[in-house]
Amino acid sequence: MAKQNKRELLDNLRGMLREAFLLREQGVAYAKLTRVHGFVDGYMRVLMDTGIASQRDLLALVAETRAEALGPGTREVEAESAVGAGG
């Protein structure tokens, strides 16, 4: 098996994360989603255990990929629309 460099390994992780986010948005069965999350978790663990990436690196990559796939994690809400939505 050919060795992969750090960039290729992180690109693989990005692809796995995109798939997980897409599956979640599609509303797939919980068992399938948890299996995908397990693969992602295991892959990230190997990257940390081998020293290829730090926890900080991986957190930044997950946040970046999530924002690309699903948009920002937070957004501003106007007071009028927030009040009007409940009543």
PDB file of N, CA and C in Angstrom:
ATOM      1  N   MET A   1       0.838  -1.172   0.000  1.00  0.00           N
ATOM      2  CA  MET A   1       0.000   0.000   0.000  1.00  0.00           C
ATOM      3  C   MET A   1       0.886   1.239   0.000  1.00  0.00           C
ATOM      4  N   ALA A   2       0.545   2.188  -0.825  1.00  0.00           N
ATOM      5  CA  ALA A   2       1.317   3.422  -0.908  1.00  0.00           C
ATOM      6  C   ALA A   2       1.025   4.299   0.313  1.00  0.00           C
ATOM      7  N   LYS A   3       2.051   4.982   0.770  1.00  0.00           N
ATOM      8  CA  LYS A   3       1.861   5.890   1.896  1.00  0.00           C
ATOM      9  C   LYS A   3       1.152   7.146   1.420  1.00  0.00           C
ATOM     10  N   GLN A   4       0.285   7.663   2.263  1.00  0.00           N
ATOM     11  CA  GLN A   4      -0.406   8.904   1.953  1.00  0.00           C
ATOM     12  C   GLN A   4       0.186  10.009   2.815  1.00  0.00           C
ATOM     13  N   ASN A   5       0.230  11.210   2.246  1.00  0.00           N
ATOM     14  CA  ASN A   5       0.742  12.318   3.039  1.00  0.00           C
ATOM     15  C   ASN A   5      -0.380  12.908   3.887  1.00  0.00           C
ATOM     16  N   LYS A   6      -0.025  13.822   4.770  1.00  0.00           N
ATOM     17  CA  LYS A   6      -0.985  14.397   5.706  1.00  0.00           C
ATOM     18  C   LYS A   6      -2.151  15.047   4.970  1.00  0.00           C
ATOM     19  N   ARG A   7      -1.868  15.753   3.907  1.00  0.00           N
ATOM     20  CA  ARG A   7      -2.928  16.443   3.160  1.00  0.00           C
ATOM     21  C   ARG A   7      -3.948  15.445   2.611  1.00  0.00           C
ATOM     22  N   GLU A   8      -3.469  14.347   2.058  1.00  0.00           N
ATOM     23  CA  GLU A   8      -4.372  13.328   1.519  1.00  0.00           C
ATOM     24  C   GLU A   8      -5.224  12.702   2.617  1.00  0.00           C
ATOM     25  N   LEU A   9      -4.617  12.448   3.765  1.00  0.00           N
ATOM     26  CA  LEU A   9      -5.358  11.857   4.876  1.00  0.00           C
ATOM     27  C   LEU A   9      -6.440  12.810   5.384  1.00  0.00           C
ATOM     28  N   LEU A  10      -6.114  14.093   5.478  1.00  0.00           N
ATOM     29  CA  LEU A  10      -7.107  15.069   5.925  1.00  0.00           C
ATOM     30  C   LEU A  10      -8.189  15.269   4.869  1.00  0.00           C
ATOM     31  N   ASP A  11      -7.831  15.177   3.597  1.00  0.00           N
ATOM     32  CA  ASP A  11      -8.841  15.251   2.536  1.00  0.00           C
ATOM     33  C   ASP A  11      -9.798  14.064   2.617  1.00  0.00           C
ATOM     34  N   ASN A  12      -9.264  12.890   2.947  1.00  0.00           N
ATOM     35  CA  ASN A  12     -10.123  11.714   3.149  1.00  0.00           C
ATOM     36  C   ASN A  12     -11.114  11.970   4.287  1.00  0.00           C
ATOM     37  N   LEU A  13     -10.609  12.556   5.362  1.00  0.00           N
ATOM     38  CA  LEU A  13     -11.472  12.861   6.499  1.00  0.00           C
ATOM     39  C   LEU A  13     -12.548  13.871   6.105  1.00  0.00           C
ATOM     40  N   ARG A  14     -12.181  14.884   5.343  1.00  0.00           N
ATOM     41  CA  ARG A  14     -13.174  15.865   4.877  1.00  0.00           C
ATOM     42  C   ARG A  14     -14.298  15.179   4.097  1.00  0.00           C
ATOM     43  N   GLY A  15     -13.923  14.260   3.229  1.00  0.00           N
ATOM     44  CA  GLY A  15     -14.916  13.526   2.450  1.00  0.00           C
ATOM     45  C   GLY A  15     -15.838  12.706   3.334  1.00  0.00           C
ATOM     46  N   MET A  16     -15.266  12.067   4.349  1.00  0.00           N
ATOM     47  CA  MET A  16     -16.067  11.274   5.275  1.00  0.00           C
ATOM     48  C   MET A  16     -17.030  12.165   6.061  1.00  0.00           C
ATOM     49  N   LEU A  17     -16.546  13.332   6.465  1.00  0.00           N
ATOM     50  CA  LEU A  17     -17.397  14.265   7.201  1.00  0.00           C
ATOM     51  C   LEU A  17     -18.527  14.787   6.317  1.00  0.00           C
ATOM     52  N   ARG A  18     -18.211  15.127   5.080  1.00  0.00           N
ATOM     53  CA  ARG A  18     -19.255  15.603   4.158  1.00  0.00           C
ATOM     54  C   ARG A  18     -20.346  14.545   3.991  1.00  0.00           C
ATOM     55  N   GLU A  19     -19.921  13.296   3.872  1.00  0.00           N
ATOM     56  CA  GLU A  19     -20.887  12.204   3.735  1.00  0.00           C
ATOM     57  C   GLU A  19     -21.763  12.101   4.985  1.00  0.00           C
ATOM     58  N   ALA A  20     -21.152  12.209   6.164  1.00  0.00           N
ATOM     59  CA  ALA A  20     -21.911  12.127   7.410  1.00  0.00           C
ATOM     60  C   ALA A  20     -22.921  13.267   7.502  1.00  0.00           C
ATOM     61  N   PHE A  21     -22.507  14.478   7.157  1.00  0.00           N
ATOM     62  CA  PHE A  21     -23.423  15.624   7.205  1.00  0.00           C
ATOM     63  C   PHE A  21     -24.551  15.465   6.197  1.00  0.00           C
ATOM     64  N   LEU A  22     -24.224  14.964   5.013  1.00  0.00           N
ATOM     65  CA  LEU A  22     -25.242  14.756   3.983  1.00  0.00           C
ATOM     66  C   LEU A  22     -26.261  13.702   4.418  1.00  0.00           C
ATOM     67  N   LEU A  23     -25.779  12.610   4.958  1.00  0.00           N
ATOM     68  CA  LEU A  23     -26.674  11.545   5.411  1.00  0.00           C
ATOM     69  C   LEU A  23     -27.609  12.048   6.519  1.00  0.00           C
ATOM     70  N   ARG A  24     -27.049  12.854   7.408  1.00  0.00           N
ATOM     71  CA  ARG A  24     -27.879  13.409   8.479  1.00  0.00           C
ATOM     72  C   ARG A  24     -28.974  14.297   7.904  1.00  0.00           C
ATOM     73  N   GLU A  25     -28.624  15.114   6.932  1.00  0.00           N
ATOM     74  CA  GLU A  25     -29.605  15.997   6.306  1.00  0.00           C
ATOM     75  C   GLU A  25     -30.665  15.203   5.545  1.00  0.00           C
ATOM     76  N   GLN A  26     -30.283  14.056   5.008  1.00  0.00           N
ATOM     77  CA  GLN A  26     -31.219  13.212   4.258  1.00  0.00           C
ATOM     78  C   GLN A  26     -32.132  12.415   5.185  1.00  0.00           C
ATOM     79  N   GLY A  27     -31.777  12.363   6.463  1.00  0.00           N
ATOM     80  CA  GLY A  27     -32.603  11.646   7.426  1.00  0.00           C
ATOM     81  C   GLY A  27     -32.507  10.139   7.310  1.00  0.00           C
ATOM     82  N   VAL A  28     -31.312   9.634   7.044  1.00  0.00           N
ATOM     83  CA  VAL A  28     -31.139   8.184   6.911  1.00  0.00           C
ATOM     84  C   VAL A  28     -31.367   7.496   8.257  1.00  0.00           C
ATOM     85  N   ALA A  29     -31.474   6.199   8.199  1.00  0.00           N
ATOM     86  CA  ALA A  29     -31.688   5.400   9.402  1.00  0.00           C
ATOM     87  C   ALA A  29     -30.568   5.650  10.411  1.00  0.00           C
ATOM     88  N   TYR A  30     -30.954   5.669  11.675  1.00  0.00           N
ATOM     89  CA  TYR A  30     -30.011   5.951  12.753  1.00  0.00           C
ATOM     90  C   TYR A  30     -28.825   4.989  12.740  1.00  0.00           C
ATOM     91  N   ALA A  31     -29.072   3.717  12.474  1.00  0.00           N
ATOM     92  CA  ALA A  31     -27.994   2.721  12.466  1.00  0.00           C
ATOM     93  C   ALA A  31     -26.944   3.059  11.419  1.00  0.00           C
ATOM     94  N   LYS A  32     -27.375   3.479  10.249  1.00  0.00           N
ATOM     95  CA  LYS A  32     -26.421   3.836   9.190  1.00  0.00           C
ATOM     96  C   LYS A  32     -25.632   5.078   9.583  1.00  0.00           C
ATOM     97  N   LEU A  33     -26.315   6.058  10.148  1.00  0.00           N
ATOM     98  CA  LEU A  33     -25.637   7.289  10.549  1.00  0.00           C
ATOM     99  C   LEU A  33     -24.618   7.032  11.652  1.00  0.00           C
ATOM    100  N   THR A  34     -24.969   6.203  12.612  1.00  0.00           N
ATOM    101  CA  THR A  34     -24.015   5.909  13.686  1.00  0.00           C
ATOM    102  C   THR A  34     -22.810   5.124  13.170  1.00  0.00           C
ATOM    103  N   ARG A  35     -23.012   4.273  12.185  1.00  0.00           N
ATOM    104  CA  ARG A  35     -21.896   3.539  11.599  1.00  0.00           C
ATOM    105  C   ARG A  35     -20.921   4.509  10.921  1.00  0.00           C
ATOM    106  N   VAL A  36     -21.454   5.466  10.181  1.00  0.00           N
ATOM    107  CA  VAL A  36     -20.609   6.464   9.514  1.00  0.00           C
ATOM    108  C   VAL A  36     -19.865   7.304  10.546  1.00  0.00           C
ATOM    109  N   HIS A  37     -20.567   7.700  11.607  1.00  0.00           N
ATOM    110  CA  HIS A  37     -19.912   8.463  12.673  1.00  0.00           C
ATOM    111  C   HIS A  37     -18.813   7.639  13.335  1.00  0.00           C
ATOM    112  N   GLY A  38     -19.036   6.351  13.483  1.00  0.00           N
ATOM    113  CA  GLY A  38     -18.009   5.480  14.055  1.00  0.00           C
ATOM    114  C   GLY A  38     -16.764   5.421  13.188  1.00  0.00           C
ATOM    115  N   PHE A  39     -16.943   5.353  11.876  1.00  0.00           N
ATOM    116  CA  PHE A  39     -15.795   5.368  10.969  1.00  0.00           C
ATOM    117  C   PHE A  39     -15.022   6.680  11.090  1.00  0.00           C
ATOM    118  N   VAL A  40     -15.759   7.779  11.135  1.00  0.00           N
ATOM    119  CA  VAL A  40     -15.120   9.096  11.255  1.00  0.00           C
ATOM    120  C   VAL A  40     -14.362   9.188  12.577  1.00  0.00           C
ATOM    121  N   ASP A  41     -14.989   8.781  13.663  1.00  0.00           N
ATOM    122  CA  ASP A  41     -14.337   8.823  14.976  1.00  0.00           C
ATOM    123  C   ASP A  41     -13.056   7.982  14.992  1.00  0.00           C
ATOM    124  N   GLY A  42     -13.140   6.783  14.437  1.00  0.00           N
ATOM    125  CA  GLY A  42     -11.972   5.911  14.392  1.00  0.00           C
ATOM    126  C   GLY A  42     -10.850   6.487  13.554  1.00  0.00           C
ATOM    127  N   TYR A  43     -11.206   7.062  12.429  1.00  0.00           N
ATOM    128  CA  TYR A  43     -10.207   7.664  11.538  1.00  0.00           C
ATOM    129  C   TYR A  43      -9.509   8.830  12.244  1.00  0.00           C
ATOM    130  N   MET A  44     -10.312   9.656  12.927  1.00  0.00           N
ATOM    131  CA  MET A  44      -9.731  10.786  13.646  1.00  0.00           C
ATOM    132  C   MET A  44      -8.826  10.307  14.778  1.00  0.00           C
ATOM    133  N   ARG A  45      -9.227   9.236  15.432  1.00  0.00           N
ATOM    134  CA  ARG A  45      -8.422   8.691  16.527  1.00  0.00           C
ATOM    135  C   ARG A  45      -7.054   8.225  16.025  1.00  0.00           C
ATOM    136  N   VAL A  46      -7.049   7.565  14.878  1.00  0.00           N
ATOM    137  CA  VAL A  46      -5.784   7.105  14.293  1.00  0.00           C
ATOM    138  C   VAL A  46      -4.902   8.298  13.931  1.00  0.00           C
ATOM    139  N   LEU A  47      -5.504   9.343  13.369  1.00  0.00           N
ATOM    140  CA  LEU A  47      -4.725  10.540  13.015  1.00  0.00           C
ATOM    141  C   LEU A  47      -4.086  11.166  14.255  1.00  0.00           C
ATOM    142  N   MET A  48      -4.813  11.168  15.366  1.00  0.00           N
ATOM    143  CA  MET A  48      -4.251  11.728  16.601  1.00  0.00           C
ATOM    144  C   MET A  48      -3.209  10.794  17.210  1.00  0.00           C
ATOM    145  N   ASP A  49      -3.521   9.492  17.270  1.00  0.00           N
ATOM    146  CA  ASP A  49      -2.605   8.534  17.898  1.00  0.00           C
ATOM    147  C   ASP A  49      -1.279   8.423  17.171  1.00  0.00           C
ATOM    148  N   THR A  50      -1.293   8.616  15.865  1.00  0.00           N
ATOM    149  CA  THR A  50      -0.054   8.525  15.088  1.00  0.00           C
ATOM    150  C   THR A  50       0.687   9.859  15.004  1.00  0.00           C
ATOM    151  N   GLY A  51       0.088  10.915  15.566  1.00  0.00           N
ATOM    152  CA  GLY A  51       0.739  12.220  15.563  1.00  0.00           C
ATOM    153  C   GLY A  51       0.592  12.977  14.252  1.00  0.00           C
ATOM    154  N   ILE A  52      -0.244  12.481  13.361  1.00  0.00           N
ATOM    155  CA  ILE A  52      -0.440  13.147  12.064  1.00  0.00           C
ATOM    156  C   ILE A  52      -1.203  14.452  12.248  1.00  0.00           C
ATOM    157  N   ALA A  53      -2.156  14.460  13.173  1.00  0.00           N
ATOM    158  CA  ALA A  53      -2.943  15.659  13.429  1.00  0.00           C
ATOM    159  C   ALA A  53      -3.230  15.760  14.921  1.00  0.00           C
ATOM    160  N   SER A  54      -3.313  16.988  15.398  1.00  0.00           N
ATOM    161  CA  SER A  54      -3.648  17.217  16.802  1.00  0.00           C
ATOM    162  C   SER A  54      -5.159  17.361  16.947  1.00  0.00           C
ATOM    163  N   GLN A  55      -5.618  17.316  18.176  1.00  0.00           N
ATOM    164  CA  GLN A  55      -7.038  17.504  18.431  1.00  0.00           C
ATOM    165  C   GLN A  55      -7.490  18.868  17.921  1.00  0.00           C
ATOM    166  N   ARG A  56      -6.672  19.875  18.130  1.00  0.00           N
ATOM    167  CA  ARG A  56      -6.994  21.229  17.659  1.00  0.00           C
ATOM    168  C   ARG A  56      -7.127  21.259  16.136  1.00  0.00           C
ATOM    169  N   ASP A  57      -6.197  20.589  15.431  1.00  0.00           N
ATOM    170  CA  ASP A  57      -6.272  20.513  13.959  1.00  0.00           C
ATOM    171  C   ASP A  57      -7.589  19.892  13.514  1.00  0.00           C
ATOM    172  N   LEU A  58      -7.955  18.798  14.162  1.00  0.00           N
ATOM    173  CA  LEU A  58      -9.165  18.071  13.778  1.00  0.00           C
ATOM    174  C   LEU A  58     -10.432  18.858  14.098  1.00  0.00           C
ATOM    175  N   LEU A  59     -10.448  19.536  15.238  1.00  0.00           N
ATOM    176  CA  LEU A  59     -11.609  20.358  15.569  1.00  0.00           C
ATOM    177  C   LEU A  59     -11.802  21.471  14.548  1.00  0.00           C
ATOM    178  N   ALA A  60     -10.707  22.081  14.127  1.00  0.00           N
ATOM    179  CA  ALA A  60     -10.791  23.139  13.115  1.00  0.00           C
ATOM    180  C   ALA A  60     -11.286  22.575  11.787  1.00  0.00           C
ATOM    181  N   LEU A  61     -10.792  21.407  11.409  1.00  0.00           N
ATOM    182  CA  LEU A  61     -11.208  20.781  10.159  1.00  0.00           C
ATOM    183  C   LEU A  61     -12.695  20.421  10.190  1.00  0.00           C
ATOM    184  N   VAL A  62     -13.164  19.881  11.302  1.00  0.00           N
ATOM    185  CA  VAL A  62     -14.580  19.520  11.421  1.00  0.00           C
ATOM    186  C   VAL A  62     -15.446  20.781  11.350  1.00  0.00           C
ATOM    187  N   ALA A  63     -15.058  21.830  12.053  1.00  0.00           N
ATOM    188  CA  ALA A  63     -15.836  23.069  12.036  1.00  0.00           C
ATOM    189  C   ALA A  63     -15.883  23.667  10.633  1.00  0.00           C
ATOM    190  N   GLU A  64     -14.758  23.671   9.952  1.00  0.00           N
ATOM    191  CA  GLU A  64     -14.688  24.212   8.591  1.00  0.00           C
ATOM    192  C   GLU A  64     -15.555  23.398   7.635  1.00  0.00           C
ATOM    193  N   THR A  65     -15.449  22.087   7.709  1.00  0.00           N
ATOM    194  CA  THR A  65     -16.212  21.211   6.813  1.00  0.00           C
ATOM    195  C   THR A  65     -17.702  21.301   7.108  1.00  0.00           C
ATOM    196  N   ARG A  66     -18.045  21.406   8.380  1.00  0.00           N
ATOM    197  CA  ARG A  66     -19.449  21.542   8.751  1.00  0.00           C
ATOM    198  C   ARG A  66     -20.035  22.838   8.199  1.00  0.00           C
ATOM    199  N   ALA A  67     -19.284  23.917   8.321  1.00  0.00           N
ATOM    200  CA  ALA A  67     -19.750  25.208   7.810  1.00  0.00           C
ATOM    201  C   ALA A  67     -19.921  25.176   6.290  1.00  0.00           C
ATOM    202  N   GLU A  68     -19.012  24.502   5.606  1.00  0.00           N
ATOM    203  CA  GLU A  68     -19.125  24.369   4.146  1.00  0.00           C
ATOM    204  C   GLU A  68     -20.360  23.553   3.763  1.00  0.00           C
ATOM    205  N   ALA A  69     -20.616  22.496   4.514  1.00  0.00           N
ATOM    206  CA  ALA A  69     -21.705  21.585   4.169  1.00  0.00           C
ATOM    207  C   ALA A  69     -23.074  22.093   4.618  1.00  0.00           C
ATOM    208  N   LEU A  70     -23.132  22.710   5.795  1.00  0.00           N
ATOM    209  CA  LEU A  70     -24.425  23.045   6.395  1.00  0.00           C
ATOM    210  C   LEU A  70     -24.628  24.524   6.673  1.00  0.00           C
ATOM    211  N   GLY A  71     -23.624  25.324   6.393  1.00  0.00           N
ATOM    212  CA  GLY A  71     -23.731  26.743   6.702  1.00  0.00           C
ATOM    213  C   GLY A  71     -23.191  27.026   8.086  1.00  0.00           C
ATOM    214  N   PRO A  72     -23.232  28.284   8.490  1.00  0.00           N
ATOM    215  CA  PRO A  72     -22.673  28.642   9.796  1.00  0.00           C
ATOM    216  C   PRO A  72     -23.444  27.980  10.935  1.00  0.00           C
ATOM    217  N   GLY A  73     -22.747  27.730  12.022  1.00  0.00           N
ATOM    218  CA  GLY A  73     -23.361  27.089  13.171  1.00  0.00           C
ATOM    219  C   GLY A  73     -24.330  27.997  13.899  1.00  0.00           C
ATOM    220  N   THR A  74     -24.127  29.290  13.794  1.00  0.00           N
ATOM    221  CA  THR A  74     -25.027  30.255  14.419  1.00  0.00           C
ATOM    222  C   THR A  74     -25.327  31.364  13.429  1.00  0.00           C
ATOM    223  N   ARG A  75     -26.404  32.068  13.701  1.00  0.00           N
ATOM    224  CA  ARG A  75     -26.735  33.217  12.861  1.00  0.00           C
ATOM    225  C   ARG A  75     -27.478  34.222  13.716  1.00  0.00           C
ATOM    226  N   GLU A  76     -27.506  35.443  13.233  1.00  0.00           N
ATOM    227  CA  GLU A  76     -28.229  36.484  13.949  1.00  0.00           C
ATOM    228  C   GLU A  76     -29.707  36.402  13.598  1.00  0.00           C
ATOM    229  N   VAL A  77     -30.539  36.618  14.593  1.00  0.00           N
ATOM    230  CA  VAL A  77     -31.980  36.600  14.401  1.00  0.00           C
ATOM    231  C   VAL A  77     -32.501  37.979  14.770  1.00  0.00           C
ATOM    232  N   GLU A  78     -33.318  38.540  13.913  1.00  0.00           N
ATOM    233  CA  GLU A  78     -33.892  39.843  14.203  1.00  0.00           C
ATOM    234  C   GLU A  78     -34.940  39.699  15.297  1.00  0.00           C
ATOM    235  N   ALA A  79     -35.006  40.678  16.177  1.00  0.00           N
ATOM    236  CA  ALA A  79     -35.926  40.623  17.307  1.00  0.00           C
ATOM    237  C   ALA A  79     -37.379  40.516  16.852  1.00  0.00           C
ATOM    238  N   GLU A  80     -37.762  41.210  15.795  1.00  0.00           N
ATOM    239  CA  GLU A  80     -39.142  41.179  15.319  1.00  0.00           C
ATOM    240  C   GLU A  80     -39.538  39.780  14.864  1.00  0.00           C
ATOM    241  N   SER A  81     -38.683  39.124  14.091  1.00  0.00           N
ATOM    242  CA  SER A  81     -39.029  37.795  13.600  1.00  0.00           C
ATOM    243  C   SER A  81     -39.030  36.775  14.734  1.00  0.00           C
ATOM    244  N   ALA A  82     -38.188  36.952  15.725  1.00  0.00           N
ATOM    245  CA  ALA A  82     -38.165  36.030  16.855  1.00  0.00           C
ATOM    246  C   ALA A  82     -39.430  36.160  17.694  1.00  0.00           C
ATOM    247  N   VAL A  83     -39.919  37.376  17.876  1.00  0.00           N
ATOM    248  CA  VAL A  83     -41.143  37.588  18.650  1.00  0.00           C
ATOM    249  C   VAL A  83     -42.346  37.129  17.852  1.00  0.00           C
ATOM    250  N   GLY A  84     -42.372  37.432  16.577  1.00  0.00           N
ATOM    251  CA  GLY A  84     -43.507  37.071  15.734  1.00  0.00           C
ATOM    252  C   GLY A  84     -43.637  35.578  15.483  1.00  0.00           C
ATOM    253  N   ALA A  85     -42.558  34.845  15.597  1.00  0.00           N
ATOM    254  CA  ALA A  85     -42.584  33.418  15.301  1.00  0.00           C
ATOM    255  C   ALA A  85     -43.347  32.626  16.351  1.00  0.00           C
ATOM    256  N   GLY A  86     -43.352  33.093  17.579  1.00  0.00           N
ATOM    257  CA  GLY A  86     -43.990  32.345  18.647  1.00  0.00           C
ATOM    258  C   GLY A  86     -45.482  32.595  18.786  1.00  0.00           C
ATOM    259  N   GLY A  87     -45.988  33.640  18.221  1.00  0.00           N
ATOM    260  CA  GLY A  87     -47.364  33.986  18.510  1.00  0.00           C
ATOM    261  C   GLY A  87     -48.239  33.944  17.360  1.00  0.00           C
TER     262      GLY A  87
END
